[in-house]
């Protein structure tokens, strides 16, 4: 028995050399190894795969077999049933049937438990960068209480009805957009309790005529409440990115968000450090206006990579306030290039391929 235990422990340690394609951490750390069983000269690995996946990638199977070969063990794989996700509090009950979004290839959540870090600016520019790269792209503003998508994307019209209580998204800058802000007057506050927020987000997902999408970007509100729980339970998220700024106060809140996603079993793709530095347009010198190292501290604590460091540029705010994300308005700027590279990196991580470059919509 002790030998069997040792073999299982050795096998688990060997599997730490195997990564899931597109993810920076190994399959053991990611929690994909749900269990190991010792057989006669073999190890059966029970795998827990990301939402929507029923078979492990071939390369991953090859790598697993190669990792176990030096131990003299053959590999058997069994895909474990998806673990039950934590139920939301009574104030925001989960819908029994998951909204699968079958015509959406990948869904990325842009998150930060801290407000004021530029998360919505990141989400809108990332969506525009995906569209510029030729991806069929959607953008869902999940911040019901403080929707900012209408301003940042320059949307003034309301969605058109499609019959049977369904509606069409508004297309702007080549991106299909939905936001609570489309249905409100500028001065109208949203005074809703949790169940109403959850219900609205489900309606945006189920009743919006999204059509076929390569990527849906979801701009989450600050915090770790009803919106986050609803989406984690209802949507097969391909992964989430965490937005932080260099300040320590932002880092601490972002770590709360990281732990929340871990509890609801959402894969984490990496960290984005916004307002990372300011580059002097005259001499080119860089200055850390808001401190430095926030993204690195989150990355070190979480084991996630820093995917991008977005510089401070006045043009980002100016164009955003004018409804022209920097990626669309000034594609050759430093910030736009960072967003373009970020979109390319994330598309590789979630496994989507663009058909052809976009000519940018209205």
Protein backbone atom coordinates (compact mmCIF):
# COMPACT_ATOMS: atom_id res chain seq x y z
CA UNK A 1 0.00 0.00 0.00
CA UNK A 2 2.82 2.38 0.86
CA UNK A 3 4.40 1.65 -2.55
CA UNK A 4 1.07 2.42 -4.24
CA UNK A 5 0.84 5.71 -2.37
CA UNK A 6 4.38 6.55 -3.32
CA UNK A 7 3.62 5.76 -6.96
CA UNK A 8 0.56 7.97 -6.93
CA UNK A 9 2.48 10.81 -5.32
CA UNK A 10 5.32 10.40 -7.81
CA UNK A 11 2.85 10.35 -10.69
CA UNK A 12 1.12 13.49 -9.47
CA UNK A 13 4.46 15.25 -9.14
CA UNK A 14 5.44 14.14 -12.65
CA UNK A 15 2.22 15.57 -14.06
CA UNK A 16 3.25 19.01 -12.79
CA UNK A 17 5.44 19.22 -15.88
CA UNK A 18 2.34 19.15 -18.13
CA UNK A 19 0.51 22.35 -19.04
CA UNK A 20 -2.92 22.77 -20.58
CA UNK A 21 -2.53 24.43 -24.01
CA UNK A 22 -2.68 28.20 -23.67
CA UNK A 23 -2.51 28.21 -19.87
CA UNK A 24 0.60 29.29 -17.97
CA UNK A 25 0.32 26.83 -15.09
CA UNK A 26 0.48 23.05 -14.92
CA UNK A 27 -2.60 20.84 -14.88
CA UNK A 28 -2.12 19.87 -11.22
CA UNK A 29 -1.93 23.47 -10.03
CA UNK A 30 -4.93 24.37 -12.21
CA UNK A 31 -6.97 21.69 -10.43
CA UNK A 32 -7.53 19.67 -13.61
CA UNK A 33 -6.24 16.47 -12.00
CA UNK A 34 -9.33 15.42 -10.05
CA UNK A 35 -7.79 12.16 -8.85
CA UNK A 36 -5.34 9.34 -9.53
CA UNK A 37 -5.92 5.60 -9.39
CA UNK A 38 -3.21 2.97 -9.39
CA UNK A 39 -3.78 0.08 -11.77
CA UNK A 40 -1.58 -2.85 -12.81
CA UNK A 41 1.42 -1.03 -14.29
CA UNK A 42 -0.69 2.01 -15.12
CA UNK A 43 -2.11 5.18 -13.64
CA UNK A 44 -5.65 6.27 -14.34
CA UNK A 45 -5.87 10.06 -14.28
CA UNK A 46 -9.28 11.58 -13.68
CA UNK A 47 -9.29 14.91 -15.46
CA UNK A 48 -11.51 17.89 -14.77
CA UNK A 49 -11.48 19.93 -17.98
CA UNK A 50 -12.46 23.57 -18.58
CA UNK A 51 -16.12 24.30 -19.23
CA UNK A 52 -17.32 23.12 -22.61
CA UNK A 53 -14.43 20.65 -23.16
CA UNK A 54 -15.16 16.91 -23.20
CA UNK A 55 -11.77 15.55 -24.30
CA UNK A 56 -8.22 16.62 -23.42
CA UNK A 57 -6.15 18.02 -26.31
CA UNK A 58 -3.97 15.44 -28.08
CA UNK A 59 -0.75 17.26 -27.20
CA UNK A 60 -1.70 17.26 -23.55
CA UNK A 61 -2.31 13.49 -23.65
CA UNK A 62 1.08 12.99 -25.31
CA UNK A 63 2.80 15.13 -22.68
CA UNK A 64 1.07 13.26 -19.85
CA UNK A 65 2.16 9.89 -21.21
CA UNK A 66 5.72 11.16 -21.62
CA UNK A 67 5.75 12.49 -18.03
CA UNK A 68 4.72 9.11 -16.62
CA UNK A 69 6.95 6.98 -18.86
CA UNK A 70 10.14 7.41 -16.72
CA UNK A 71 8.17 5.94 -13.79
CA UNK A 72 7.36 2.85 -15.84
CA UNK A 73 3.66 3.69 -15.79
CA UNK A 74 1.18 3.58 -18.62
CA UNK A 75 -1.44 6.31 -18.86
CA UNK A 76 -5.19 5.88 -18.75
CA UNK A 77 -7.41 8.96 -18.88
CA UNK A 78 -10.93 9.38 -17.63
CA UNK A 79 -12.71 12.73 -17.87
CA UNK A 80 -14.39 13.49 -14.57
CA UNK A 81 -17.91 14.86 -14.46
CA UNK A 82 -17.91 18.63 -13.99
CA UNK A 83 -17.76 19.56 -10.35
CA UNK A 84 -20.87 21.20 -8.96
CA UNK A 85 -20.42 24.94 -8.87
CA UNK A 86 -21.14 26.80 -5.67
CA UNK A 87 -24.72 28.05 -5.49
CA UNK A 88 -25.28 31.77 -5.33
CA UNK A 89 -26.74 33.26 -2.15
CA UNK A 90 -30.51 33.21 -1.79
CA UNK A 91 -30.65 36.78 -3.05
CA UNK A 92 -29.39 35.65 -6.45
CA UNK A 93 -30.43 32.06 -7.16
CA UNK A 94 -28.87 30.25 -10.09
CA UNK A 95 -30.90 29.23 -13.10
CA UNK A 96 -30.96 25.39 -13.35
CA UNK A 97 -30.06 25.25 -17.05
CA UNK A 98 -26.78 26.78 -18.07
CA UNK A 99 -26.88 29.32 -20.88
CA UNK A 100 -24.42 27.66 -23.20
CA UNK A 101 -24.11 30.32 -25.94
CA UNK A 102 -23.52 27.57 -28.52
CA UNK A 103 -22.60 30.02 -31.29
CA UNK A 104 -19.90 31.74 -29.23
CA UNK A 105 -16.48 30.11 -29.48
CA UNK A 106 -14.85 31.79 -26.46
CA UNK A 107 -15.89 34.04 -23.58
CA UNK A 108 -13.41 36.17 -21.66
CA UNK A 109 -14.34 38.08 -18.50
CA UNK A 110 -12.46 41.31 -17.71
CA UNK A 111 -12.51 41.71 -13.96
CA UNK A 112 -11.25 43.66 -11.00
CA UNK A 113 -12.72 43.71 -7.53
CA UNK A 114 -11.41 47.27 -7.29
CA UNK A 115 -13.23 50.15 -8.98
CA UNK A 116 -11.39 52.92 -10.78
CA UNK A 117 -8.61 50.80 -12.31
CA UNK A 118 -9.74 51.36 -15.90
CA UNK A 119 -11.32 47.95 -16.32
CA UNK A 120 -14.01 49.17 -18.73
CA UNK A 121 -11.41 51.02 -20.79
CA UNK A 122 -9.45 47.77 -21.01
CA UNK A 123 -12.57 45.77 -21.96
CA UNK A 124 -13.71 48.15 -24.71
CA UNK A 125 -10.26 48.50 -26.24
CA UNK A 126 -9.66 44.75 -26.03
CA UNK A 127 -12.95 44.11 -27.83
CA UNK A 128 -12.01 46.63 -30.53
CA UNK A 129 -8.59 45.01 -30.88
CA UNK A 130 -10.23 41.60 -31.41
CA UNK A 131 -12.52 43.11 -34.05
CA UNK A 132 -9.59 44.83 -35.77
CA UNK A 133 -7.83 41.46 -35.94
CA UNK A 134 -10.76 39.97 -37.82
CA UNK A 135 -12.64 38.23 -35.02
CA UNK A 136 -16.43 38.35 -34.83
CA UNK A 137 -16.60 40.10 -31.47
CA UNK A 138 -19.24 40.86 -28.85
CA UNK A 139 -19.00 43.09 -25.78
CA UNK A 140 -21.34 42.73 -22.81
CA UNK A 141 -21.36 45.47 -20.19
CA UNK A 142 -22.31 43.57 -17.03
CA UNK A 143 -22.13 46.63 -14.77
CA UNK A 144 -25.85 47.20 -14.30
CA UNK A 145 -25.48 50.00 -11.73
CA UNK A 146 -22.76 51.98 -13.50
CA UNK A 147 -22.75 51.12 -17.22
CA UNK A 148 -20.00 52.92 -19.11
CA UNK A 149 -20.06 51.15 -22.47
CA UNK A 150 -22.38 53.71 -24.15
CA UNK A 151 -19.87 56.53 -23.48
CA UNK A 152 -16.68 54.60 -24.15
CA UNK A 153 -17.99 53.08 -27.40
CA UNK A 154 -19.91 56.17 -28.50
CA UNK A 155 -23.31 54.44 -28.67
CA UNK A 156 -26.38 56.70 -28.65
CA UNK A 157 -29.02 54.48 -30.27
CA UNK A 158 -31.02 51.78 -28.54
CA UNK A 159 -31.11 48.12 -29.60
CA UNK A 160 -33.74 47.13 -32.15
CA UNK A 161 -36.43 44.63 -31.22
CA UNK A 162 -36.27 41.25 -32.93
CA UNK A 163 -39.67 39.86 -31.89
CA UNK A 164 -40.56 37.31 -29.21
CA UNK A 165 -38.95 39.52 -26.53
CA UNK A 166 -35.57 39.29 -28.25
CA UNK A 167 -33.40 42.15 -29.46
CA UNK A 168 -30.40 42.89 -31.64
CA UNK A 169 -27.12 44.18 -30.20
CA UNK A 170 -25.85 47.59 -31.29
CA UNK A 171 -22.83 47.33 -33.61
CA UNK A 172 -20.15 49.96 -33.02
CA UNK A 173 -16.51 49.93 -34.14
CA UNK A 174 -17.15 46.46 -35.55
CA UNK A 175 -18.22 45.12 -32.12
CA UNK A 176 -21.68 43.83 -31.15
CA UNK A 177 -22.52 45.67 -27.92
CA UNK A 178 -25.09 45.30 -25.14
CA UNK A 179 -25.36 47.43 -22.00
CA UNK A 180 -27.97 48.42 -19.46
CA UNK A 181 -27.03 51.96 -20.41
CA UNK A 182 -28.76 51.46 -23.78
CA UNK A 183 -32.11 51.19 -22.00
CA UNK A 184 -31.76 54.12 -19.58
CA UNK A 185 -31.97 57.86 -19.75
CA UNK A 186 -28.67 59.53 -18.85
CA UNK A 187 -29.86 60.58 -15.39
CA UNK A 188 -31.82 57.44 -14.49
CA UNK A 189 -30.36 55.45 -11.58
CA UNK A 190 -30.75 51.68 -11.32
CA UNK A 191 -32.18 50.83 -7.90
CA UNK A 192 -32.45 47.07 -8.05
CA UNK A 193 -31.90 44.15 -5.73
CA UNK A 194 -29.71 41.17 -6.56
CA UNK A 195 -32.29 38.86 -8.19
CA UNK A 196 -33.23 41.58 -10.69
CA UNK A 197 -29.57 42.08 -11.64
CA UNK A 198 -29.12 38.34 -12.14
CA UNK A 199 -32.29 38.15 -14.23
CA UNK A 200 -31.22 41.04 -16.46
CA UNK A 201 -27.82 39.50 -17.19
CA UNK A 202 -29.47 36.21 -18.06
CA UNK A 203 -31.76 38.08 -20.44
CA UNK A 204 -28.81 39.82 -22.09
CA UNK A 205 -27.23 36.42 -22.68
CA UNK A 206 -30.33 34.48 -23.67
CA UNK A 207 -32.49 37.03 -25.52
CA UNK A 208 -29.87 39.08 -27.35
CA UNK A 209 -29.40 37.99 -30.96
CA UNK A 210 -25.63 37.71 -30.68
CA UNK A 211 -25.34 35.49 -33.73
CA UNK A 212 -22.09 33.64 -34.38
CA UNK A 213 -19.18 35.09 -32.41
CA UNK A 214 -15.52 34.17 -32.17
CA UNK A 215 -15.16 35.97 -28.86
CA UNK A 216 -17.47 37.58 -26.31
CA UNK A 217 -15.78 40.02 -23.92
CA UNK A 218 -17.66 40.60 -20.66
CA UNK A 219 -16.91 43.78 -18.71
CA UNK A 220 -17.64 42.82 -15.10
CA UNK A 221 -18.55 45.37 -12.43
CA UNK A 222 -16.29 45.95 -9.42
CA UNK A 223 -16.67 43.58 -6.50
CA UNK A 224 -17.49 39.89 -6.11
CA UNK A 225 -21.28 39.92 -6.01
CA UNK A 226 -24.38 38.93 -7.94
CA UNK A 227 -23.13 39.74 -11.43
CA UNK A 228 -19.94 37.72 -11.02
CA UNK A 229 -21.76 34.73 -9.51
CA UNK A 230 -24.48 34.75 -12.16
CA UNK A 231 -22.00 34.78 -15.03
CA UNK A 232 -19.75 32.15 -13.46
CA UNK A 233 -22.74 29.85 -13.03
CA UNK A 234 -24.50 30.53 -16.32
CA UNK A 235 -21.72 31.03 -18.87
CA UNK A 236 -18.95 28.61 -19.91
CA UNK A 237 -16.19 31.16 -19.41
CA UNK A 238 -13.00 30.39 -21.32
CA UNK A 239 -11.14 32.41 -18.73
CA UNK A 240 -10.84 35.70 -16.91
CA UNK A 241 -8.22 38.42 -16.83
CA UNK A 242 -7.58 40.58 -13.79
CA UNK A 243 -7.00 44.31 -14.21
CA UNK A 244 -4.97 46.13 -11.57
CA UNK A 245 -2.96 49.31 -11.22
CA UNK A 246 0.43 49.54 -9.53
CA UNK A 247 -0.97 50.79 -6.18
CA UNK A 248 -1.09 48.42 -3.22
CA UNK A 249 -4.76 49.19 -2.50
CA UNK A 250 -5.70 47.98 -5.97
CA UNK A 251 -3.58 44.84 -5.63
CA UNK A 252 -5.33 43.78 -2.42
CA UNK A 253 -8.79 44.10 -3.94
CA UNK A 254 -7.72 42.28 -7.10
CA UNK A 255 -6.52 39.35 -5.00
CA UNK A 256 -10.04 39.06 -3.55
CA UNK A 257 -11.35 38.78 -7.08
CA UNK A 258 -8.77 36.13 -7.86
CA UNK A 259 -9.89 34.01 -4.92
CA UNK A 260 -13.52 34.41 -5.96
CA UNK A 261 -12.84 33.05 -9.44
CA UNK A 262 -10.91 30.16 -7.92
CA UNK A 263 -13.92 29.21 -5.79
CA UNK A 264 -16.27 29.16 -8.79
CA UNK A 265 -13.73 27.25 -10.93
CA UNK A 266 -13.16 29.86 -13.64
CA UNK A 267 -9.76 29.53 -15.38
CA UNK A 268 -7.53 32.56 -14.87
CA UNK A 269 -5.60 33.72 -17.93
CA UNK A 270 -3.40 36.42 -16.43
CA UNK A 271 -2.95 39.92 -15.06
CA UNK A 272 -3.17 43.26 -16.86
CA UNK A 273 -1.43 46.22 -15.23
CA UNK A 274 -3.19 49.41 -16.29
CA UNK A 275 -1.69 52.89 -15.83
CA UNK A 276 1.65 51.15 -15.63
CA UNK A 277 3.86 54.09 -16.56
CA UNK A 278 3.97 57.43 -18.32
CA UNK A 279 6.37 57.98 -21.20
CA UNK A 280 7.53 61.55 -21.73
CA UNK A 281 6.71 62.50 -25.35
CA UNK A 282 9.76 64.80 -25.45
CA UNK A 283 12.59 62.67 -24.10
CA UNK A 284 11.05 59.18 -23.99
CA UNK A 285 11.82 58.71 -20.28
CA UNK A 286 9.34 56.59 -18.34
CA UNK A 287 7.91 57.55 -14.97
CA UNK A 288 5.79 55.40 -12.65
CA UNK A 289 3.13 57.94 -11.73
CA UNK A 290 1.09 55.49 -9.68
CA UNK A 291 3.92 53.47 -8.17
CA UNK A 292 5.22 50.24 -9.63
CA UNK A 293 5.10 46.49 -9.25
CA UNK A 294 1.35 45.99 -8.71
CA UNK A 295 0.99 43.59 -11.58
CA UNK A 296 4.13 41.72 -10.57
CA UNK A 297 2.86 41.32 -6.99
CA UNK A 298 -0.44 39.85 -8.19
CA UNK A 299 1.42 37.59 -10.61
CA UNK A 300 3.82 36.38 -7.94
CA UNK A 301 1.03 35.65 -5.47
CA UNK A 302 -1.18 33.89 -8.03
CA UNK A 303 1.29 32.20 -10.34
CA UNK A 304 -0.31 34.00 -13.29
CA UNK A 305 1.61 35.86 -15.99
CA UNK A 306 1.50 39.63 -16.48
CA UNK A 307 -0.10 39.75 -19.93
CA UNK A 308 0.24 43.48 -20.57
CA UNK A 309 1.41 46.75 -19.06
CA UNK A 310 -0.72 49.57 -20.41
CA UNK A 311 0.88 53.02 -20.32
CA UNK A 312 -0.76 56.22 -19.12
CA UNK A 313 -1.73 58.26 -22.17
CA UNK A 314 -3.99 61.30 -22.13
CA UNK A 315 -5.30 60.23 -25.52
CA UNK A 316 -6.79 57.07 -23.98
CA UNK A 317 -9.07 59.16 -21.75
CA UNK A 318 -9.77 61.79 -24.39
CA UNK A 319 -10.76 59.32 -27.08
CA UNK A 320 -12.69 57.18 -24.58
CA UNK A 321 -14.72 60.19 -23.40
CA UNK A 322 -15.44 60.89 -27.05
CA UNK A 323 -16.67 57.36 -27.76
CA UNK A 324 -13.59 56.41 -29.76
CA UNK A 325 -11.47 53.72 -28.05
CA UNK A 326 -7.77 54.34 -28.57
CA UNK A 327 -7.45 51.15 -30.65
CA UNK A 328 -9.92 52.57 -33.17
CA UNK A 329 -8.91 56.25 -32.95
CA UNK A 330 -5.11 56.02 -32.79
CA UNK A 331 -4.01 52.48 -33.69
CA UNK A 332 -0.34 53.50 -33.87
CA UNK A 333 -0.20 54.83 -30.31
CA UNK A 334 1.75 52.98 -27.61
CA UNK A 335 -1.43 52.04 -25.74
CA UNK A 336 -3.19 50.78 -28.87
CA UNK A 337 -0.23 48.58 -29.75
CA UNK A 338 -0.33 47.04 -26.26
CA UNK A 339 -4.04 46.25 -26.65
CA UNK A 340 -3.42 44.75 -30.09
CA UNK A 341 -0.68 42.49 -28.74
CA UNK A 342 -2.88 41.56 -25.77
CA UNK A 343 -5.73 40.50 -28.07
CA UNK A 344 -3.33 38.36 -30.09
CA UNK A 345 -1.99 36.70 -26.96
CA UNK A 346 -5.44 36.00 -25.53
CA UNK A 347 -6.76 34.61 -28.81
CA UNK A 348 -3.93 32.09 -28.75
CA UNK A 349 -4.66 31.21 -25.13
CA UNK A 350 -8.35 30.48 -25.70
CA UNK A 351 -7.76 28.83 -29.09
CA UNK A 352 -9.61 31.04 -31.58
CA UNK A 353 -8.45 31.95 -35.08
CA UNK A 354 -9.58 35.00 -37.07
CA UNK A 355 -10.95 34.45 -40.55
CA UNK A 356 -9.49 37.66 -41.97
CA UNK A 357 -8.52 41.16 -40.84
CA UNK A 358 -11.38 43.56 -40.25
CA UNK A 359 -12.09 46.74 -42.14
CA UNK A 360 -13.60 48.21 -38.98
CA UNK A 361 -17.30 48.82 -38.72
CA UNK A 362 -19.02 52.11 -38.05
